[in-house]
């Protein structure tokens, strides 16, 4: 009985956490409310340049670290005895997965940034 009550309460909690309240309003009122924000004196070029430099730095540093680590493990694998090769294979698989995630994540962030830069209006 307790298990059923717990499951029902958990289900109700999850449903309430997933749903959200939405305020529906007239679009013209929303635009009028956004005018102070839209007319703010913020130059997006400086922010774009800074973000692109940070993304480029992350790409270069991540690529360099990944290349060095994979090279070290490759050399260790070539010089290892057959018994040690299995251990090195076990160690290198998470590193290769991390490299793929690093390259993928940085490129996805760069892609999202370039799409957002082209879509968003210039101030």
PDB file of N, CA and C in Angstrom:
ATOM      1  N   UNK A   1       0.813  -1.196   0.000  1.00  0.00           N
ATOM      2  CA  UNK A   1       0.000   0.000   0.000  1.00  0.00           C
ATOM      3  C   UNK A   1       0.859   1.264   0.000  1.00  0.00           C
ATOM      4  N   UNK A   2       1.913   1.246   0.816  1.00  0.00           N
ATOM      5  CA  UNK A   2       2.799   2.406   0.866  1.00  0.00           C
ATOM      6  C   UNK A   2       3.501   2.634  -0.468  1.00  0.00           C
ATOM      7  N   UNK A   3       3.831   1.524  -1.110  1.00  0.00           N
ATOM      8  CA  UNK A   3       4.514   1.623  -2.394  1.00  0.00           C
ATOM      9  C   UNK A   3       3.615   2.279  -3.438  1.00  0.00           C
ATOM     10  N   UNK A   4       2.326   1.936  -3.443  1.00  0.00           N
ATOM     11  CA  UNK A   4       1.385   2.537  -4.383  1.00  0.00           C
ATOM     12  C   UNK A   4       1.220   4.025  -4.117  1.00  0.00           C
ATOM     13  N   UNK A   5       1.098   4.395  -2.851  1.00  0.00           N
ATOM     14  CA  UNK A   5       0.951   5.814  -2.491  1.00  0.00           C
ATOM     15  C   UNK A   5       2.204   6.581  -2.889  1.00  0.00           C
ATOM     16  N   UNK A   6       3.365   5.996  -2.632  1.00  0.00           N
ATOM     17  CA  UNK A   6       4.613   6.645  -3.000  1.00  0.00           C
ATOM     18  C   UNK A   6       4.708   6.830  -4.512  1.00  0.00           C
ATOM     19  N   UNK A   7       4.348   5.813  -5.270  1.00  0.00           N
ATOM     20  CA  UNK A   7       4.393   5.901  -6.734  1.00  0.00           C
ATOM     21  C   UNK A   7       3.425   6.954  -7.254  1.00  0.00           C
ATOM     22  N   UNK A   8       2.233   7.009  -6.669  1.00  0.00           N
ATOM     23  CA  UNK A   8       1.255   8.017  -7.101  1.00  0.00           C
ATOM     24  C   UNK A   8       1.751   9.417  -6.780  1.00  0.00           C
ATOM     25  N   UNK A   9       2.289   9.614  -5.576  1.00  0.00           N
ATOM     26  CA  UNK A   9       2.824  10.933  -5.207  1.00  0.00           C
ATOM     27  C   UNK A   9       4.006  11.325  -6.097  1.00  0.00           C
ATOM     28  N   UNK A  10       4.857  10.365  -6.404  1.00  0.00           N
ATOM     29  CA  UNK A  10       5.983  10.643  -7.288  1.00  0.00           C
ATOM     30  C   UNK A  10       5.503  11.010  -8.685  1.00  0.00           C
ATOM     31  N   UNK A  11       4.501  10.299  -9.180  1.00  0.00           N
ATOM     32  CA  UNK A  11       3.937  10.594 -10.488  1.00  0.00           C
ATOM     33  C   UNK A  11       3.325  12.002 -10.514  1.00  0.00           C
ATOM     34  N   UNK A  12       2.575  12.358  -9.483  1.00  0.00           N
ATOM     35  CA  UNK A  12       1.968  13.691  -9.406  1.00  0.00           C
ATOM     36  C   UNK A  12       3.047  14.759  -9.314  1.00  0.00           C
ATOM     37  N   UNK A  13       4.089  14.504  -8.560  1.00  0.00           N
ATOM     38  CA  UNK A  13       5.188  15.455  -8.450  1.00  0.00           C
ATOM     39  C   UNK A  13       5.890  15.654  -9.788  1.00  0.00           C
ATOM     40  N   UNK A  14       6.131  14.572 -10.511  1.00  0.00           N
ATOM     41  CA  UNK A  14       6.769  14.680 -11.820  1.00  0.00           C
ATOM     42  C   UNK A  14       5.883  15.431 -12.813  1.00  0.00           C
ATOM     43  N   UNK A  15       4.600  15.155 -12.798  1.00  0.00           N
ATOM     44  CA  UNK A  15       3.686  15.850 -13.711  1.00  0.00           C
ATOM     45  C   UNK A  15       3.657  17.340 -13.404  1.00  0.00           C
ATOM     46  N   UNK A  16       3.626  17.707 -12.128  1.00  0.00           N
ATOM     47  CA  UNK A  16       3.604  19.133 -11.790  1.00  0.00           C
ATOM     48  C   UNK A  16       4.946  19.796 -12.083  1.00  0.00           C
ATOM     49  N   UNK A  17       6.027  19.037 -12.004  1.00  0.00           N
ATOM     50  CA  UNK A  17       7.331  19.623 -12.304  1.00  0.00           C
ATOM     51  C   UNK A  17       7.517  19.835 -13.800  1.00  0.00           C
ATOM     52  N   UNK A  18       6.929  18.972 -14.609  1.00  0.00           N
ATOM     53  CA  UNK A  18       7.092  19.084 -16.052  1.00  0.00           C
ATOM     54  C   UNK A  18       6.242  20.219 -16.623  1.00  0.00           C
ATOM     55  N   UNK A  19       5.036  20.353 -16.120  1.00  0.00           N
ATOM     56  CA  UNK A  19       4.153  21.392 -16.657  1.00  0.00           C
ATOM     57  C   UNK A  19       4.594  22.750 -16.157  1.00  0.00           C
ATOM     58  N   UNK A  20       4.237  23.782 -16.900  1.00  0.00           N
ATOM     59  CA  UNK A  20       4.582  25.140 -16.497  1.00  0.00           C
ATOM     60  C   UNK A  20       3.414  26.063 -16.798  1.00  0.00           C
ATOM     61  N   UNK A  21       3.364  27.143 -16.065  1.00  0.00           N
ATOM     62  CA  UNK A  21       2.325  28.134 -16.279  1.00  0.00           C
ATOM     63  C   UNK A  21       2.775  29.102 -17.359  1.00  0.00           C
ATOM     64  N   UNK A  22       1.851  29.471 -18.214  1.00  0.00           N
ATOM     65  CA  UNK A  22       2.168  30.360 -19.317  1.00  0.00           C
ATOM     66  C   UNK A  22       1.234  31.553 -19.259  1.00  0.00           C
ATOM     67  N   UNK A  23       1.795  32.755 -19.412  1.00  0.00           N
ATOM     68  CA  UNK A  23       0.995  33.961 -19.460  1.00  0.00           C
ATOM     69  C   UNK A  23       0.804  34.332 -20.925  1.00  0.00           C
ATOM     70  N   UNK A  24      -0.406  34.205 -21.400  1.00  0.00           N
ATOM     71  CA  UNK A  24      -0.705  34.556 -22.782  1.00  0.00           C
ATOM     72  C   UNK A  24      -1.126  36.022 -22.804  1.00  0.00           C
ATOM     73  N   UNK A  25      -0.533  36.792 -23.686  1.00  0.00           N
ATOM     74  CA  UNK A  25      -0.806  38.219 -23.754  1.00  0.00           C
ATOM     75  C   UNK A  25      -0.834  38.641 -25.213  1.00  0.00           C
ATOM     76  N   UNK A  26      -1.300  39.842 -25.435  1.00  0.00           N
ATOM     77  CA  UNK A  26      -1.366  40.377 -26.779  1.00  0.00           C
ATOM     78  C   UNK A  26       0.052  40.734 -27.226  1.00  0.00           C
ATOM     79  N   UNK A  27       0.367  40.438 -28.479  1.00  0.00           N
ATOM     80  CA  UNK A  27       1.726  40.638 -28.984  1.00  0.00           C
ATOM     81  C   UNK A  27       2.134  42.105 -28.943  1.00  0.00           C
ATOM     82  N   UNK A  28       1.209  43.029 -29.226  1.00  0.00           N
ATOM     83  CA  UNK A  28       1.570  44.451 -29.222  1.00  0.00           C
ATOM     84  C   UNK A  28       1.956  44.906 -27.819  1.00  0.00           C
ATOM     85  N   UNK A  29       1.279  44.374 -26.793  1.00  0.00           N
ATOM     86  CA  UNK A  29       1.652  44.727 -25.425  1.00  0.00           C
ATOM     87  C   UNK A  29       3.034  44.192 -25.088  1.00  0.00           C
ATOM     88  N   UNK A  30       3.346  43.021 -25.587  1.00  0.00           N
ATOM     89  CA  UNK A  30       4.661  42.455 -25.334  1.00  0.00           C
ATOM     90  C   UNK A  30       5.742  43.279 -26.028  1.00  0.00           C
ATOM     91  N   UNK A  31       5.477  43.735 -27.250  1.00  0.00           N
ATOM     92  CA  UNK A  31       6.462  44.558 -27.961  1.00  0.00           C
ATOM     93  C   UNK A  31       6.669  45.883 -27.259  1.00  0.00           C
ATOM     94  N   UNK A  32       5.588  46.480 -26.769  1.00  0.00           N
ATOM     95  CA  UNK A  32       5.714  47.745 -26.054  1.00  0.00           C
ATOM     96  C   UNK A  32       6.494  47.566 -24.757  1.00  0.00           C
ATOM     97  N   UNK A  33       6.316  46.447 -24.113  1.00  0.00           N
ATOM     98  CA  UNK A  33       7.060  46.182 -22.889  1.00  0.00           C
ATOM     99  C   UNK A  33       8.529  45.926 -23.150  1.00  0.00           C
ATOM    100  N   UNK A  34       8.872  45.488 -24.347  1.00  0.00           N
ATOM    101  CA  UNK A  34      10.261  45.170 -24.678  1.00  0.00           C
ATOM    102  C   UNK A  34      11.028  46.351 -25.256  1.00  0.00           C
ATOM    103  N   UNK A  35      10.368  47.473 -25.530  1.00  0.00           N
ATOM    104  CA  UNK A  35      11.060  48.608 -26.161  1.00  0.00           C
ATOM    105  C   UNK A  35      12.258  49.101 -25.369  1.00  0.00           C
ATOM    106  N   UNK A  36      12.166  49.232 -24.031  1.00  0.00           N
ATOM    107  CA  UNK A  36      13.375  49.677 -23.325  1.00  0.00           C
ATOM    108  C   UNK A  36      14.544  48.707 -23.496  1.00  0.00           C
ATOM    109  N   UNK A  37      14.266  47.428 -23.572  1.00  0.00           N
ATOM    110  CA  UNK A  37      15.327  46.445 -23.738  1.00  0.00           C
ATOM    111  C   UNK A  37      15.851  46.466 -25.170  1.00  0.00           C
ATOM    112  N   UNK A  38      14.955  46.617 -26.137  1.00  0.00           N
ATOM    113  CA  UNK A  38      15.361  46.602 -27.536  1.00  0.00           C
ATOM    114  C   UNK A  38      16.162  47.843 -27.911  1.00  0.00           C
ATOM    115  N   UNK A  39      15.927  48.960 -27.225  1.00  0.00           N
ATOM    116  CA  UNK A  39      16.618  50.208 -27.539  1.00  0.00           C
ATOM    117  C   UNK A  39      17.823  50.449 -26.641  1.00  0.00           C
ATOM    118  N   UNK A  40      18.268  49.433 -25.914  1.00  0.00           N
ATOM    119  CA  UNK A  40      19.400  49.596 -25.016  1.00  0.00           C
ATOM    120  C   UNK A  40      20.670  49.827 -25.825  1.00  0.00           C
ATOM    121  N   UNK A  41      21.582  50.604 -25.248  1.00  0.00           N
ATOM    122  CA  UNK A  41      22.840  50.914 -25.910  1.00  0.00           C
ATOM    123  C   UNK A  41      23.864  49.817 -25.610  1.00  0.00           C
ATOM    124  N   UNK A  42      23.712  48.707 -26.249  1.00  0.00           N
ATOM    125  CA  UNK A  42      24.630  47.586 -26.087  1.00  0.00           C
ATOM    126  C   UNK A  42      25.135  47.225 -27.473  1.00  0.00           C
ATOM    127  N   UNK A  43      26.441  47.233 -27.624  1.00  0.00           N
ATOM    128  CA  UNK A  43      26.999  46.834 -28.911  1.00  0.00           C
ATOM    129  C   UNK A  43      27.240  45.333 -28.880  1.00  0.00           C
ATOM    130  N   UNK A  44      26.669  44.656 -29.824  1.00  0.00           N
ATOM    131  CA  UNK A  44      26.818  43.203 -29.856  1.00  0.00           C
ATOM    132  C   UNK A  44      28.107  42.781 -30.554  1.00  0.00           C
ATOM    133  N   UNK A  45      28.755  43.687 -31.273  1.00  0.00           N
ATOM    134  CA  UNK A  45      29.984  43.313 -31.972  1.00  0.00           C
ATOM    135  C   UNK A  45      31.092  42.936 -30.993  1.00  0.00           C
ATOM    136  N   UNK A  46      31.212  43.694 -29.902  1.00  0.00           N
ATOM    137  CA  UNK A  46      32.251  43.384 -28.915  1.00  0.00           C
ATOM    138  C   UNK A  46      31.983  42.034 -28.262  1.00  0.00           C
ATOM    139  N   UNK A  47      30.710  41.778 -27.960  1.00  0.00           N
ATOM    140  CA  UNK A  47      30.359  40.497 -27.345  1.00  0.00           C
ATOM    141  C   UNK A  47      30.573  39.356 -28.336  1.00  0.00           C
ATOM    142  N   UNK A  48      30.204  39.560 -29.588  1.00  0.00           N
ATOM    143  CA  UNK A  48      30.403  38.527 -30.611  1.00  0.00           C
ATOM    144  C   UNK A  48      31.877  38.203 -30.790  1.00  0.00           C
ATOM    145  N   UNK A  49      32.705  39.250 -30.828  1.00  0.00           N
ATOM    146  CA  UNK A  49      34.145  39.024 -30.980  1.00  0.00           C
ATOM    147  C   UNK A  49      34.716  38.276 -29.787  1.00  0.00           C
ATOM    148  N   UNK A  50      34.280  38.645 -28.587  1.00  0.00           N
ATOM    149  CA  UNK A  50      34.771  37.978 -27.386  1.00  0.00           C
ATOM    150  C   UNK A  50      34.353  36.518 -27.365  1.00  0.00           C
ATOM    151  N   UNK A  51      33.066  36.254 -27.668  1.00  0.00           N
ATOM    152  CA  UNK A  51      32.595  34.868 -27.672  1.00  0.00           C
ATOM    153  C   UNK A  51      33.275  34.037 -28.750  1.00  0.00           C
ATOM    154  N   UNK A  52      33.478  34.606 -29.923  1.00  0.00           N
ATOM    155  CA  UNK A  52      34.144  33.842 -30.979  1.00  0.00           C
ATOM    156  C   UNK A  52      35.600  33.559 -30.609  1.00  0.00           C
ATOM    157  N   UNK A  53      36.256  34.511 -29.927  1.00  0.00           N
ATOM    158  CA  UNK A  53      37.631  34.271 -29.482  1.00  0.00           C
ATOM    159  C   UNK A  53      37.679  33.176 -28.419  1.00  0.00           C
ATOM    160  N   UNK A  54      36.714  33.170 -27.509  1.00  0.00           N
ATOM    161  CA  UNK A  54      36.674  32.141 -26.468  1.00  0.00           C
ATOM    162  C   UNK A  54      36.426  30.772 -27.093  1.00  0.00           C
ATOM    163  N   UNK A  55      35.490  30.694 -28.031  1.00  0.00           N
ATOM    164  CA  UNK A  55      35.193  29.421 -28.687  1.00  0.00           C
ATOM    165  C   UNK A  55      36.408  28.928 -29.461  1.00  0.00           C
ATOM    166  N   UNK A  56      37.075  29.823 -30.162  1.00  0.00           N
ATOM    167  CA  UNK A  56      38.273  29.443 -30.909  1.00  0.00           C
ATOM    168  C   UNK A  56      39.373  28.957 -29.961  1.00  0.00           C
ATOM    169  N   UNK A  57      39.534  29.635 -28.815  1.00  0.00           N
ATOM    170  CA  UNK A  57      40.540  29.225 -27.833  1.00  0.00           C
ATOM    171  C   UNK A  57      40.220  27.845 -27.275  1.00  0.00           C
ATOM    172  N   UNK A  58      38.940  27.585 -26.987  1.00  0.00           N
ATOM    173  CA  UNK A  58      38.546  26.272 -26.483  1.00  0.00           C
ATOM    174  C   UNK A  58      38.826  25.197 -27.531  1.00  0.00           C
ATOM    175  N   UNK A  59      38.557  25.509 -28.792  1.00  0.00           N
ATOM    176  CA  UNK A  59      38.827  24.540 -29.856  1.00  0.00           C
ATOM    177  C   UNK A  59      40.317  24.224 -29.946  1.00  0.00           C
ATOM    178  N   UNK A  60      41.161  25.243 -29.922  1.00  0.00           N
ATOM    179  CA  UNK A  60      42.598  25.022 -30.054  1.00  0.00           C
ATOM    180  C   UNK A  60      43.168  24.278 -28.849  1.00  0.00           C
ATOM    181  N   UNK A  61      42.790  24.706 -27.653  1.00  0.00           N
ATOM    182  CA  UNK A  61      43.321  24.066 -26.444  1.00  0.00           C
ATOM    183  C   UNK A  61      42.829  22.624 -26.357  1.00  0.00           C
ATOM    184  N   UNK A  62      41.550  22.410 -26.604  1.00  0.00           N
ATOM    185  CA  UNK A  62      41.004  21.057 -26.555  1.00  0.00           C
ATOM    186  C   UNK A  62      41.629  20.153 -27.591  1.00  0.00           C
ATOM    187  N   UNK A  63      41.823  20.672 -28.788  1.00  0.00           N
ATOM    188  CA  UNK A  63      42.458  19.872 -29.838  1.00  0.00           C
ATOM    189  C   UNK A  63      43.894  19.528 -29.466  1.00  0.00           C
ATOM    190  N   UNK A  64      44.613  20.478 -28.921  1.00  0.00           N
ATOM    191  CA  UNK A  64      45.997  20.233 -28.528  1.00  0.00           C
ATOM    192  C   UNK A  64      46.104  19.201 -27.419  1.00  0.00           C
ATOM    193  N   UNK A  65      45.265  19.338 -26.401  1.00  0.00           N
ATOM    194  CA  UNK A  65      45.310  18.383 -25.294  1.00  0.00           C
ATOM    195  C   UNK A  65      44.930  16.983 -25.776  1.00  0.00           C
ATOM    196  N   UNK A  66      43.886  16.914 -26.590  1.00  0.00           N
ATOM    197  CA  UNK A  66      43.455  15.608 -27.103  1.00  0.00           C
ATOM    198  C   UNK A  66      44.552  14.971 -27.951  1.00  0.00           C
ATOM    199  N   UNK A  67      45.200  15.754 -28.787  1.00  0.00           N
ATOM    200  CA  UNK A  67      46.267  15.226 -29.630  1.00  0.00           C
ATOM    201  C   UNK A  67      47.429  14.720 -28.794  1.00  0.00           C
ATOM    202  N   UNK A  68      47.814  15.464 -27.782  1.00  0.00           N
ATOM    203  CA  UNK A  68      48.936  15.055 -26.932  1.00  0.00           C
ATOM    204  C   UNK A  68      48.607  13.765 -26.173  1.00  0.00           C
ATOM    205  N   UNK A  69      47.398  13.713 -25.591  1.00  0.00           N
ATOM    206  CA  UNK A  69      47.028  12.536 -24.797  1.00  0.00           C
ATOM    207  C   UNK A  69      46.922  11.297 -25.673  1.00  0.00           C
ATOM    208  N   UNK A  70      46.288  11.418 -26.826  1.00  0.00           N
ATOM    209  CA  UNK A  70      46.161  10.261 -27.711  1.00  0.00           C
ATOM    210  C   UNK A  70      47.534   9.833 -28.231  1.00  0.00           C
ATOM    211  N   UNK A  71      48.418  10.784 -28.500  1.00  0.00           N
ATOM    212  CA  UNK A  71      49.772  10.430 -28.945  1.00  0.00           C
ATOM    213  C   UNK A  71      50.537   9.683 -27.859  1.00  0.00           C
ATOM    214  N   UNK A  72      50.422  10.141 -26.615  1.00  0.00           N
ATOM    215  CA  UNK A  72      51.118   9.472 -25.515  1.00  0.00           C
ATOM    216  C   UNK A  72      50.609   8.046 -25.347  1.00  0.00           C
ATOM    217  N   UNK A  73      49.281   7.883 -25.373  1.00  0.00           N
ATOM    218  CA  UNK A  73      48.740   6.534 -25.238  1.00  0.00           C
ATOM    219  C   UNK A  73      49.075   5.660 -26.449  1.00  0.00           C
ATOM    220  N   UNK A  74      49.161   6.247 -27.624  1.00  0.00           N
ATOM    221  CA  UNK A  74      49.556   5.478 -28.804  1.00  0.00           C
ATOM    222  C   UNK A  74      50.979   4.974 -28.692  1.00  0.00           C
ATOM    223  N   UNK A  75      51.861   5.821 -28.206  1.00  0.00           N
ATOM    224  CA  UNK A  75      53.259   5.403 -28.026  1.00  0.00           C
ATOM    225  C   UNK A  75      53.347   4.332 -26.948  1.00  0.00           C
ATOM    226  N   UNK A  76      52.614   4.517 -25.859  1.00  0.00           N
ATOM    227  CA  UNK A  76      52.607   3.500 -24.801  1.00  0.00           C
ATOM    228  C   UNK A  76      52.068   2.173 -25.330  1.00  0.00           C
ATOM    229  N   UNK A  77      51.065   2.229 -26.196  1.00  0.00           N
ATOM    230  CA  UNK A  77      50.483   1.009 -26.759  1.00  0.00           C
ATOM    231  C   UNK A  77      51.483   0.295 -27.663  1.00  0.00           C
ATOM    232  N   UNK A  78      52.220   1.067 -28.459  1.00  0.00           N
ATOM    233  CA  UNK A  78      53.190   0.440 -29.366  1.00  0.00           C
ATOM    234  C   UNK A  78      54.344  -0.205 -28.608  1.00  0.00           C
ATOM    235  N   UNK A  79      54.736   0.376 -27.492  1.00  0.00           N
ATOM    236  CA  UNK A  79      55.878  -0.127 -26.743  1.00  0.00           C
ATOM    237  C   UNK A  79      55.504  -1.140 -25.672  1.00  0.00           C
ATOM    238  N   UNK A  80      54.228  -1.376 -25.460  1.00  0.00           N
ATOM    239  CA  UNK A  80      53.784  -2.256 -24.372  1.00  0.00           C
ATOM    240  C   UNK A  80      53.868  -3.721 -24.770  1.00  0.00           C
ATOM    241  N   UNK A  81      53.942  -4.553 -23.745  1.00  0.00           N
ATOM    242  CA  UNK A  81      53.911  -6.000 -23.962  1.00  0.00           C
ATOM    243  C   UNK A  81      52.465  -6.420 -24.232  1.00  0.00           C
ATOM    244  N   UNK A  82      52.261  -7.598 -24.768  1.00  0.00           N
ATOM    245  CA  UNK A  82      50.888  -8.023 -25.076  1.00  0.00           C
ATOM    246  C   UNK A  82      49.947  -8.017 -23.872  1.00  0.00           C
ATOM    247  N   UNK A  83      50.459  -8.301 -22.698  1.00  0.00           N
ATOM    248  CA  UNK A  83      49.607  -8.289 -21.508  1.00  0.00           C
ATOM    249  C   UNK A  83      49.184  -6.857 -21.143  1.00  0.00           C
ATOM    250  N   UNK A  84      50.087  -5.914 -21.350  1.00  0.00           N
ATOM    251  CA  UNK A  84      49.776  -4.520 -21.012  1.00  0.00           C
ATOM    252  C   UNK A  84      48.898  -3.839 -22.067  1.00  0.00           C
ATOM    253  N   UNK A  85      48.889  -4.375 -23.271  1.00  0.00           N
ATOM    254  CA  UNK A  85      48.087  -3.754 -24.334  1.00  0.00           C
ATOM    255  C   UNK A  85      46.596  -3.772 -24.007  1.00  0.00           C
ATOM    256  N   UNK A  86      46.152  -4.828 -23.344  1.00  0.00           N
ATOM    257  CA  UNK A  86      44.731  -4.896 -22.972  1.00  0.00           C
ATOM    258  C   UNK A  86      44.387  -3.808 -21.961  1.00  0.00           C
ATOM    259  N   UNK A  87      45.276  -3.556 -21.010  1.00  0.00           N
ATOM    260  CA  UNK A  87      45.036  -2.498 -20.026  1.00  0.00           C
ATOM    261  C   UNK A  87      45.031  -1.114 -20.682  1.00  0.00           C
ATOM    262  N   UNK A  88      45.925  -0.921 -21.625  1.00  0.00           N
ATOM    263  CA  UNK A  88      45.986   0.372 -22.310  1.00  0.00           C
ATOM    264  C   UNK A  88      44.744   0.577 -23.163  1.00  0.00           C
ATOM    265  N   UNK A  89      44.245  -0.493 -23.781  1.00  0.00           N
ATOM    266  CA  UNK A  89      43.008  -0.380 -24.561  1.00  0.00           C
ATOM    267  C   UNK A  89      41.847   0.026 -23.665  1.00  0.00           C
ATOM    268  N   UNK A  90      41.791  -0.538 -22.464  1.00  0.00           N
ATOM    269  CA  UNK A  90      40.726  -0.174 -21.523  1.00  0.00           C
ATOM    270  C   UNK A  90      40.842   1.292 -21.110  1.00  0.00           C
ATOM    271  N   UNK A  91      42.055   1.797 -20.971  1.00  0.00           N
ATOM    272  CA  UNK A  91      42.257   3.185 -20.561  1.00  0.00           C
ATOM    273  C   UNK A  91      42.009   4.162 -21.698  1.00  0.00           C
ATOM    274  N   UNK A  92      42.298   3.758 -22.922  1.00  0.00           N
ATOM    275  CA  UNK A  92      42.225   4.701 -24.035  1.00  0.00           C
ATOM    276  C   UNK A  92      40.801   4.896 -24.550  1.00  0.00           C
ATOM    277  N   UNK A  93      39.915   3.936 -24.342  1.00  0.00           N
ATOM    278  CA  UNK A  93      38.537   4.075 -24.844  1.00  0.00           C
ATOM    279  C   UNK A  93      37.802   5.260 -24.221  1.00  0.00           C
ATOM    280  N   UNK A  94      37.841   5.474 -22.901  1.00  0.00           N
ATOM    281  CA  UNK A  94      37.197   6.681 -22.362  1.00  0.00           C
ATOM    282  C   UNK A  94      37.849   7.978 -22.844  1.00  0.00           C
ATOM    283  N   UNK A  95      39.146   7.916 -23.076  1.00  0.00           N
ATOM    284  CA  UNK A  95      39.838   9.117 -23.566  1.00  0.00           C
ATOM    285  C   UNK A  95      39.385   9.442 -24.989  1.00  0.00           C
ATOM    286  N   UNK A  96      39.286   8.436 -25.830  1.00  0.00           N
ATOM    287  CA  UNK A  96      38.802   8.666 -27.192  1.00  0.00           C
ATOM    288  C   UNK A  96      37.353   9.154 -27.187  1.00  0.00           C
ATOM    289  N   UNK A  97      36.533   8.600 -26.303  1.00  0.00           N
ATOM    290  CA  UNK A  97      35.152   9.072 -26.176  1.00  0.00           C
ATOM    291  C   UNK A  97      35.126  10.531 -25.743  1.00  0.00           C
ATOM    292  N   UNK A  98      35.972  10.886 -24.808  1.00  0.00           N
ATOM    293  CA  UNK A  98      36.057  12.277 -24.369  1.00  0.00           C
ATOM    294  C   UNK A  98      36.517  13.204 -25.486  1.00  0.00           C
ATOM    295  N   UNK A  99      37.452  12.745 -26.307  1.00  0.00           N
ATOM    296  CA  UNK A  99      37.916  13.557 -27.440  1.00  0.00           C
ATOM    297  C   UNK A  99      36.788  13.790 -28.437  1.00  0.00           C
ATOM    298  N   UNK A 100      36.038  12.735 -28.727  1.00  0.00           N
ATOM    299  CA  UNK A 100      34.917  12.880 -29.658  1.00  0.00           C
ATOM    300  C   UNK A 100      33.882  13.843 -29.090  1.00  0.00           C
ATOM    301  N   UNK A 101      33.590  13.721 -27.804  1.00  0.00           N
ATOM    302  CA  UNK A 101      32.634  14.643 -27.175  1.00  0.00           C
ATOM    303  C   UNK A 101      33.161  16.077 -27.162  1.00  0.00           C
ATOM    304  N   UNK A 102      34.456  16.229 -26.914  1.00  0.00           N
ATOM    305  CA  UNK A 102      35.043  17.568 -26.905  1.00  0.00           C
ATOM    306  C   UNK A 102      34.926  18.214 -28.272  1.00  0.00           C
ATOM    307  N   UNK A 103      35.336  17.507 -29.316  1.00  0.00           N
ATOM    308  CA  UNK A 103      35.248  18.073 -30.654  1.00  0.00           C
ATOM    309  C   UNK A 103      33.804  18.332 -31.043  1.00  0.00           C
ATOM    310  N   UNK A 104      32.930  17.394 -30.715  1.00  0.00           N
ATOM    311  CA  UNK A 104      31.521  17.555 -31.058  1.00  0.00           C
ATOM    312  C   UNK A 104      30.882  18.710 -30.312  1.00  0.00           C
ATOM    313  N   UNK A 105      31.137  18.810 -29.011  1.00  0.00           N
ATOM    314  CA  UNK A 105      30.511  19.863 -28.208  1.00  0.00           C
ATOM    315  C   UNK A 105      30.993  21.246 -28.635  1.00  0.00           C
ATOM    316  N   UNK A 106      32.273  21.380 -28.861  1.00  0.00           N
ATOM    317  CA  UNK A 106      32.800  22.689 -29.254  1.00  0.00           C
ATOM    318  C   UNK A 106      32.271  23.084 -30.629  1.00  0.00           C
ATOM    319  N   UNK A 107      32.188  22.133 -31.538  1.00  0.00           N
ATOM    320  CA  UNK A 107      31.672  22.452 -32.872  1.00  0.00           C
ATOM    321  C   UNK A 107      30.177  22.743 -32.838  1.00  0.00           C
ATOM    322  N   UNK A 108      29.426  22.056 -31.977  1.00  0.00           N
ATOM    323  CA  UNK A 108      28.000  22.348 -31.851  1.00  0.00           C
ATOM    324  C   UNK A 108      27.799  23.734 -31.265  1.00  0.00           C
ATOM    325  N   UNK A 109      28.580  24.096 -30.253  1.00  0.00           N
ATOM    326  CA  UNK A 109      28.474  25.441 -29.674  1.00  0.00           C
ATOM    327  C   UNK A 109      28.840  26.491 -30.711  1.00  0.00           C
ATOM    328  N   UNK A 110      29.867  26.224 -31.481  1.00  0.00           N
ATOM    329  CA  UNK A 110      30.259  27.166 -32.534  1.00  0.00           C
ATOM    330  C   UNK A 110      29.165  27.297 -33.591  1.00  0.00           C
ATOM    331  N   UNK A 111      28.536  26.190 -33.958  1.00  0.00           N
ATOM    332  CA  UNK A 111      27.453  26.216 -34.933  1.00  0.00           C
ATOM    333  C   UNK A 111      26.255  26.993 -34.402  1.00  0.00           C
ATOM    334  N   UNK A 112      25.873  26.754 -33.147  1.00  0.00           N
ATOM    335  CA  UNK A 112      24.747  27.480 -32.545  1.00  0.00           C
ATOM    336  C   UNK A 112      25.059  28.965 -32.472  1.00  0.00           C
ATOM    337  N   UNK A 113      26.296  29.300 -32.115  1.00  0.00           N
ATOM    338  CA  UNK A 113      26.684  30.703 -32.032  1.00  0.00           C
ATOM    339  C   UNK A 113      26.605  31.380 -33.395  1.00  0.00           C
ATOM    340  N   UNK A 114      27.076  30.716 -34.438  1.00  0.00           N
ATOM    341  CA  UNK A 114      27.035  31.339 -35.769  1.00  0.00           C
ATOM    342  C   UNK A 114      25.603  31.451 -36.278  1.00  0.00           C
ATOM    343  N   UNK A 115      24.751  30.467 -35.990  1.00  0.00           N
ATOM    344  CA  UNK A 115      23.345  30.557 -36.399  1.00  0.00           C
ATOM    345  C   UNK A 115      22.650  31.684 -35.644  1.00  0.00           C
ATOM    346  N   UNK A 116      22.893  31.764 -34.338  1.00  0.00           N
ATOM    347  CA  UNK A 116      22.281  32.825 -33.552  1.00  0.00           C
ATOM    348  C   UNK A 116      22.778  34.193 -34.009  1.00  0.00           C
ATOM    349  N   UNK A 117      24.031  34.277 -34.376  1.00  0.00           N
ATOM    350  CA  UNK A 117      24.588  35.558 -34.837  1.00  0.00           C
ATOM    351  C   UNK A 117      23.946  35.990 -36.145  1.00  0.00           C
ATOM    352  N   UNK A 118      23.640  35.039 -37.020  1.00  0.00           N
ATOM    353  CA  UNK A 118      23.042  35.403 -38.298  1.00  0.00           C
ATOM    354  C   UNK A 118      21.538  35.647 -38.181  1.00  0.00           C
ATOM    355  N   UNK A 119      20.878  35.021 -37.215  1.00  0.00           N
ATOM    356  CA  UNK A 119      19.432  35.145 -37.086  1.00  0.00           C
ATOM    357  C   UNK A 119      19.026  36.368 -36.275  1.00  0.00           C
ATOM    358  N   UNK A 120      19.737  36.611 -35.179  1.00  0.00           N
ATOM    359  CA  UNK A 120      19.355  37.711 -34.293  1.00  0.00           C
ATOM    360  C   UNK A 120      19.607  39.051 -34.965  1.00  0.00           C
ATOM    361  N   UNK A 121      18.741  40.026 -34.691  1.00  0.00           N
ATOM    362  CA  UNK A 121      18.931  41.342 -35.325  1.00  0.00           C
ATOM    363  C   UNK A 121      20.139  42.055 -34.779  1.00  0.00           C
ATOM    364  N   UNK A 122      20.800  42.794 -35.629  1.00  0.00           N
ATOM    365  CA  UNK A 122      21.962  43.586 -35.237  1.00  0.00           C
ATOM    366  C   UNK A 122      21.489  44.877 -34.605  1.00  0.00           C
ATOM    367  N   UNK A 123      22.187  45.320 -33.546  1.00  0.00           N
ATOM    368  CA  UNK A 123      21.812  46.580 -32.921  1.00  0.00           C
ATOM    369  C   UNK A 123      22.694  47.692 -33.383  1.00  0.00           C
TER     370      UNK A 123
END
